[in-house]
């Protein structure tokens, strides 16, 4: 994934760069249907049924919101994780997608 080639805002690109650095280039996939400039939908290549919708709109500068998606949609966690720092969002993604 060429992070700089995607049409997303800089904080999301910085997050993606950090994730590629930590987990490797062929570990995560972006849902290309997400068209919002300030949002991405991420999953692992091994388990696309678990995903995370990460956004910067409506957040303080340099902060992120994240919705956690599960195979059974009634278990999704939406709107509860907002204004997280880069470190907090990476920790949340590590637990949700890689544990």
C-alpha atoms as a PDB file:
ATOM      1  CA  UNK A   1       0.000   0.000   0.000  1.00  0.00           C
ATOM      2  CA  UNK A   2       1.424   3.346  -1.025  1.00  0.00           C
ATOM      3  CA  UNK A   3       0.145   5.438   1.875  1.00  0.00           C
ATOM      4  CA  UNK A   4       1.002   8.754   0.237  1.00  0.00           C
ATOM      5  CA  UNK A   5      -0.962   7.883  -2.914  1.00  0.00           C
ATOM      6  CA  UNK A   6      -4.313   7.495  -1.163  1.00  0.00           C
ATOM      7  CA  UNK A   7      -6.616  10.496  -0.936  1.00  0.00           C
ATOM      8  CA  UNK A   8      -6.908  10.794   2.854  1.00  0.00           C
ATOM      9  CA  UNK A   9      -5.957  13.480   5.340  1.00  0.00           C
ATOM     10  CA  UNK A  10      -2.474  13.584   6.872  1.00  0.00           C
ATOM     11  CA  UNK A  11      -3.320  12.182  10.363  1.00  0.00           C
ATOM     12  CA  UNK A  12      -4.799   9.067   8.733  1.00  0.00           C
ATOM     13  CA  UNK A  13      -1.742   8.681   6.520  1.00  0.00           C
ATOM     14  CA  UNK A  14       0.519   8.964   9.581  1.00  0.00           C
ATOM     15  CA  UNK A  15      -1.524   6.254  11.294  1.00  0.00           C
ATOM     16  CA  UNK A  16      -1.268   3.995   8.253  1.00  0.00           C
ATOM     17  CA  UNK A  17       2.487   4.531   8.046  1.00  0.00           C
ATOM     18  CA  UNK A  18       2.875   3.529  11.687  1.00  0.00           C
ATOM     19  CA  UNK A  19       0.718   0.432  11.181  1.00  0.00           C
ATOM     20  CA  UNK A  20       2.705  -0.628   8.104  1.00  0.00           C
ATOM     21  CA  UNK A  21       5.909  -0.114  10.092  1.00  0.00           C
ATOM     22  CA  UNK A  22       4.633  -2.259  12.989  1.00  0.00           C
ATOM     23  CA  UNK A  23       2.789  -5.031  11.155  1.00  0.00           C
ATOM     24  CA  UNK A  24       4.229  -5.122   7.654  1.00  0.00           C
ATOM     25  CA  UNK A  25       3.033  -4.004   4.276  1.00  0.00           C
ATOM     26  CA  UNK A  26       0.825  -6.997   3.439  1.00  0.00           C
ATOM     27  CA  UNK A  27      -1.082  -7.335   6.697  1.00  0.00           C
ATOM     28  CA  UNK A  28      -3.875  -4.761   6.495  1.00  0.00           C
ATOM     29  CA  UNK A  29      -6.425  -3.943   3.827  1.00  0.00           C
ATOM     30  CA  UNK A  30      -8.380  -0.758   3.191  1.00  0.00           C
ATOM     31  CA  UNK A  31     -12.025  -0.938   2.210  1.00  0.00           C
ATOM     32  CA  UNK A  32     -11.970   1.059  -1.005  1.00  0.00           C
ATOM     33  CA  UNK A  33     -15.686   1.805  -0.754  1.00  0.00           C
ATOM     34  CA  UNK A  34     -15.014   4.331   2.031  1.00  0.00           C
ATOM     35  CA  UNK A  35     -14.879   7.608   0.152  1.00  0.00           C
ATOM     36  CA  UNK A  36     -14.752  10.135   3.016  1.00  0.00           C
ATOM     37  CA  UNK A  37     -11.476  12.100   3.002  1.00  0.00           C
ATOM     38  CA  UNK A  38     -11.251  11.906   6.803  1.00  0.00           C
ATOM     39  CA  UNK A  39     -12.089   8.218   7.293  1.00  0.00           C
ATOM     40  CA  UNK A  40     -10.723   4.759   6.550  1.00  0.00           C
ATOM     41  CA  UNK A  41     -12.122   1.284   7.042  1.00  0.00           C
ATOM     42  CA  UNK A  42      -9.369  -1.213   7.927  1.00  0.00           C
ATOM     43  CA  UNK A  43      -9.258  -4.967   8.338  1.00  0.00           C
ATOM     44  CA  UNK A  44      -6.570  -7.628   8.321  1.00  0.00           C
ATOM     45  CA  UNK A  45      -6.070  -9.704   5.197  1.00  0.00           C
ATOM     46  CA  UNK A  46      -6.505 -12.860   7.303  1.00  0.00           C
ATOM     47  CA  UNK A  47      -9.869 -11.901   8.843  1.00  0.00           C
ATOM     48  CA  UNK A  48     -11.928  -9.306   6.976  1.00  0.00           C
ATOM     49  CA  UNK A  49     -14.908  -9.999   9.271  1.00  0.00           C
ATOM     50  CA  UNK A  50     -13.187  -7.874  11.958  1.00  0.00           C
ATOM     51  CA  UNK A  51     -12.680  -4.280  10.938  1.00  0.00           C
ATOM     52  CA  UNK A  52     -12.210  -0.788  12.298  1.00  0.00           C
ATOM     53  CA  UNK A  53     -13.677   2.437  10.960  1.00  0.00           C
ATOM     54  CA  UNK A  54     -11.229   5.208  11.860  1.00  0.00           C
ATOM     55  CA  UNK A  55     -12.070   8.857  11.376  1.00  0.00           C
ATOM     56  CA  UNK A  56     -10.737  12.305  12.125  1.00  0.00           C
ATOM     57  CA  UNK A  57     -13.864  14.330  11.342  1.00  0.00           C
ATOM     58  CA  UNK A  58     -15.540  15.743  14.456  1.00  0.00           C
ATOM     59  CA  UNK A  59     -12.367  15.160  16.508  1.00  0.00           C
ATOM     60  CA  UNK A  60      -9.892  17.580  18.065  1.00  0.00           C
ATOM     61  CA  UNK A  61      -6.827  18.292  15.867  1.00  0.00           C
ATOM     62  CA  UNK A  62      -4.483  15.297  15.824  1.00  0.00           C
ATOM     63  CA  UNK A  63      -7.099  13.022  17.418  1.00  0.00           C
ATOM     64  CA  UNK A  64      -9.019  10.034  16.093  1.00  0.00           C
ATOM     65  CA  UNK A  65     -12.324   8.279  16.551  1.00  0.00           C
ATOM     66  CA  UNK A  66     -12.763   4.555  15.970  1.00  0.00           C
ATOM     67  CA  UNK A  67     -15.744   2.254  15.545  1.00  0.00           C
ATOM     68  CA  UNK A  68     -15.004  -1.436  16.078  1.00  0.00           C
ATOM     69  CA  UNK A  69     -16.835  -3.846  13.798  1.00  0.00           C
ATOM     70  CA  UNK A  70     -17.413  -7.539  14.526  1.00  0.00           C
ATOM     71  CA  UNK A  71     -18.848 -10.431  12.481  1.00  0.00           C
ATOM     72  CA  UNK A  72     -22.145 -10.087  14.378  1.00  0.00           C
ATOM     73  CA  UNK A  73     -23.160  -6.459  13.883  1.00  0.00           C
ATOM     74  CA  UNK A  74     -25.067  -6.231  17.167  1.00  0.00           C
ATOM     75  CA  UNK A  75     -21.653  -6.475  18.895  1.00  0.00           C
ATOM     76  CA  UNK A  76     -20.207  -3.470  17.047  1.00  0.00           C
ATOM     77  CA  UNK A  77     -18.877  -0.644  19.216  1.00  0.00           C
ATOM     78  CA  UNK A  78     -19.860   2.640  17.575  1.00  0.00           C
ATOM     79  CA  UNK A  79     -19.312   6.183  18.834  1.00  0.00           C
ATOM     80  CA  UNK A  80     -17.696   5.226  22.144  1.00  0.00           C
ATOM     81  CA  UNK A  81     -14.016   5.761  21.268  1.00  0.00           C
ATOM     82  CA  UNK A  82     -13.418   9.369  20.285  1.00  0.00           C
ATOM     83  CA  UNK A  83     -10.671  11.983  20.582  1.00  0.00           C
ATOM     84  CA  UNK A  84      -7.989   9.307  20.966  1.00  0.00           C
ATOM     85  CA  UNK A  85      -4.287  10.033  20.496  1.00  0.00           C
ATOM     86  CA  UNK A  86      -2.218   8.206  17.891  1.00  0.00           C
ATOM     87  CA  UNK A  87      -0.828   5.888  20.594  1.00  0.00           C
ATOM     88  CA  UNK A  88      -4.328   5.131  21.902  1.00  0.00           C
ATOM     89  CA  UNK A  89      -5.691   4.375  18.441  1.00  0.00           C
ATOM     90  CA  UNK A  90      -2.768   2.043  17.699  1.00  0.00           C
ATOM     91  CA  UNK A  91      -3.315   0.222  21.007  1.00  0.00           C
ATOM     92  CA  UNK A  92      -7.035  -0.133  20.258  1.00  0.00           C
ATOM     93  CA  UNK A  93      -6.301  -1.493  16.778  1.00  0.00           C
ATOM     94  CA  UNK A  94      -3.679  -3.885  18.141  1.00  0.00           C
ATOM     95  CA  UNK A  95      -6.181  -5.377  20.568  1.00  0.00           C
ATOM     96  CA  UNK A  96      -9.099  -5.434  18.129  1.00  0.00           C
ATOM     97  CA  UNK A  97      -7.369  -6.740  15.004  1.00  0.00           C
ATOM     98  CA  UNK A  98      -4.304  -8.623  16.257  1.00  0.00           C
ATOM     99  CA  UNK A  99      -5.165 -10.358  19.530  1.00  0.00           C
END
